[in-house]
Amino acid sequence: MLVFDIPLHPPHQTWHIATPGGSHRTFEARHDAVAFAAKLAARLDGAAGRAYLSIEGEDGKWRLFTPDLKAPLQT
């Protein structure tokens, strides 16, 4: 299972998304980081098990999403 964490306010307002190959991509906008992680998760989902996005909300709670970002998963 792969999980891509996307915080609300990362250090220095820079979002980093690590790829399974060991590299990472850096984004200056949270929206861009979420879009990249969703596309990557969709590509990897099934090939390496399940892939999810864990996104921190404004209330400080982390919610788990599938690559389609339609609704948080019930845990």
Protein backbone atom coordinates (compact mmCIF):
# COMPACT_ATOMS: atom_id res chain seq x y z
CA MET A 1 0.00 0.00 0.00
CA LEU A 2 1.24 3.48 -0.91
CA VAL A 3 0.12 6.65 0.85
CA PHE A 4 1.02 10.15 -0.30
CA ASP A 5 0.80 12.66 2.59
CA ILE A 6 -0.23 16.21 1.77
CA PRO A 7 -0.11 18.57 4.77
CA LEU A 8 -2.08 21.79 4.98
CA HIS A 9 0.92 23.96 5.88
CA PRO A 10 4.29 22.32 5.19
CA PRO A 11 7.58 23.93 6.25
CA HIS A 12 8.52 26.84 3.99
CA GLN A 13 5.19 26.48 2.14
CA THR A 14 6.74 23.88 -0.16
CA TRP A 15 5.03 20.55 -0.76
CA HIS A 16 7.19 17.50 -1.47
CA ILE A 17 5.79 14.33 -3.02
CA ALA A 18 8.09 11.31 -2.80
CA THR A 19 7.84 8.78 -5.61
CA PRO A 20 8.29 5.04 -5.10
CA GLY A 21 11.53 5.22 -7.12
CA GLY A 22 13.15 7.35 -4.43
CA SER A 23 12.98 10.71 -6.17
CA HIS A 24 10.61 13.51 -5.25
CA ARG A 25 8.80 16.43 -6.82
CA THR A 26 8.46 19.83 -5.17
CA PHE A 27 5.50 22.18 -5.55
CA GLU A 28 4.87 25.74 -4.44
CA ALA A 29 1.07 25.29 -4.50
CA ARG A 30 -0.87 22.68 -2.55
CA HIS A 31 -3.31 22.22 -5.43
CA ASP A 32 -0.45 21.25 -7.75
CA ALA A 33 0.90 18.76 -5.20
CA VAL A 34 -2.54 17.15 -4.79
CA ALA A 35 -3.05 16.93 -8.56
CA PHE A 36 0.36 15.33 -9.08
CA ALA A 37 -0.13 12.86 -6.20
CA ALA A 38 -3.60 11.90 -7.46
CA LYS A 39 -2.28 11.19 -10.96
CA LEU A 40 0.65 9.22 -9.57
CA ALA A 41 -1.63 7.26 -7.21
CA ALA A 42 -4.01 6.46 -10.08
CA ARG A 43 -1.12 5.17 -12.18
CA LEU A 44 0.29 3.07 -9.34
CA ASP A 45 -3.02 1.84 -7.88
CA GLY A 46 -3.27 -1.88 -8.51
CA ALA A 47 0.29 -2.25 -9.81
CA ALA A 48 1.83 -1.90 -6.35
CA GLY A 49 -1.22 -2.64 -4.25
CA ARG A 50 -3.57 0.16 -3.32
CA ALA A 51 -2.49 3.80 -3.50
CA TYR A 52 -4.08 6.57 -1.44
CA LEU A 53 -3.73 10.25 -0.63
CA SER A 54 -3.74 11.37 2.99
CA ILE A 55 -4.74 15.03 3.02
CA GLU A 56 -4.74 17.29 6.08
CA GLY A 57 -7.84 19.45 6.37
CA GLU A 58 -8.17 22.93 7.82
CA ASP A 59 -9.47 21.34 11.02
CA GLY A 60 -6.14 19.53 11.46
CA LYS A 61 -7.61 16.11 10.70
CA TRP A 62 -6.03 13.82 8.14
CA ARG A 63 -8.39 12.12 5.69
CA LEU A 64 -7.62 9.23 3.37
CA PHE A 65 -8.72 9.52 -0.27
CA THR A 66 -8.58 7.20 -3.25
CA PRO A 67 -6.85 8.54 -6.39
CA ASP A 68 -10.15 9.90 -7.76
CA LEU A 69 -10.44 12.35 -4.79
CA LYS A 70 -14.24 12.06 -4.72
CA ALA A 71 -14.78 11.32 -1.03
CA PRO A 72 -12.73 10.45 2.04
CA LEU A 73 -12.57 6.78 2.92
CA GLN A 74 -14.35 5.65 6.03
CA THR A 75 -11.83 4.20 8.49
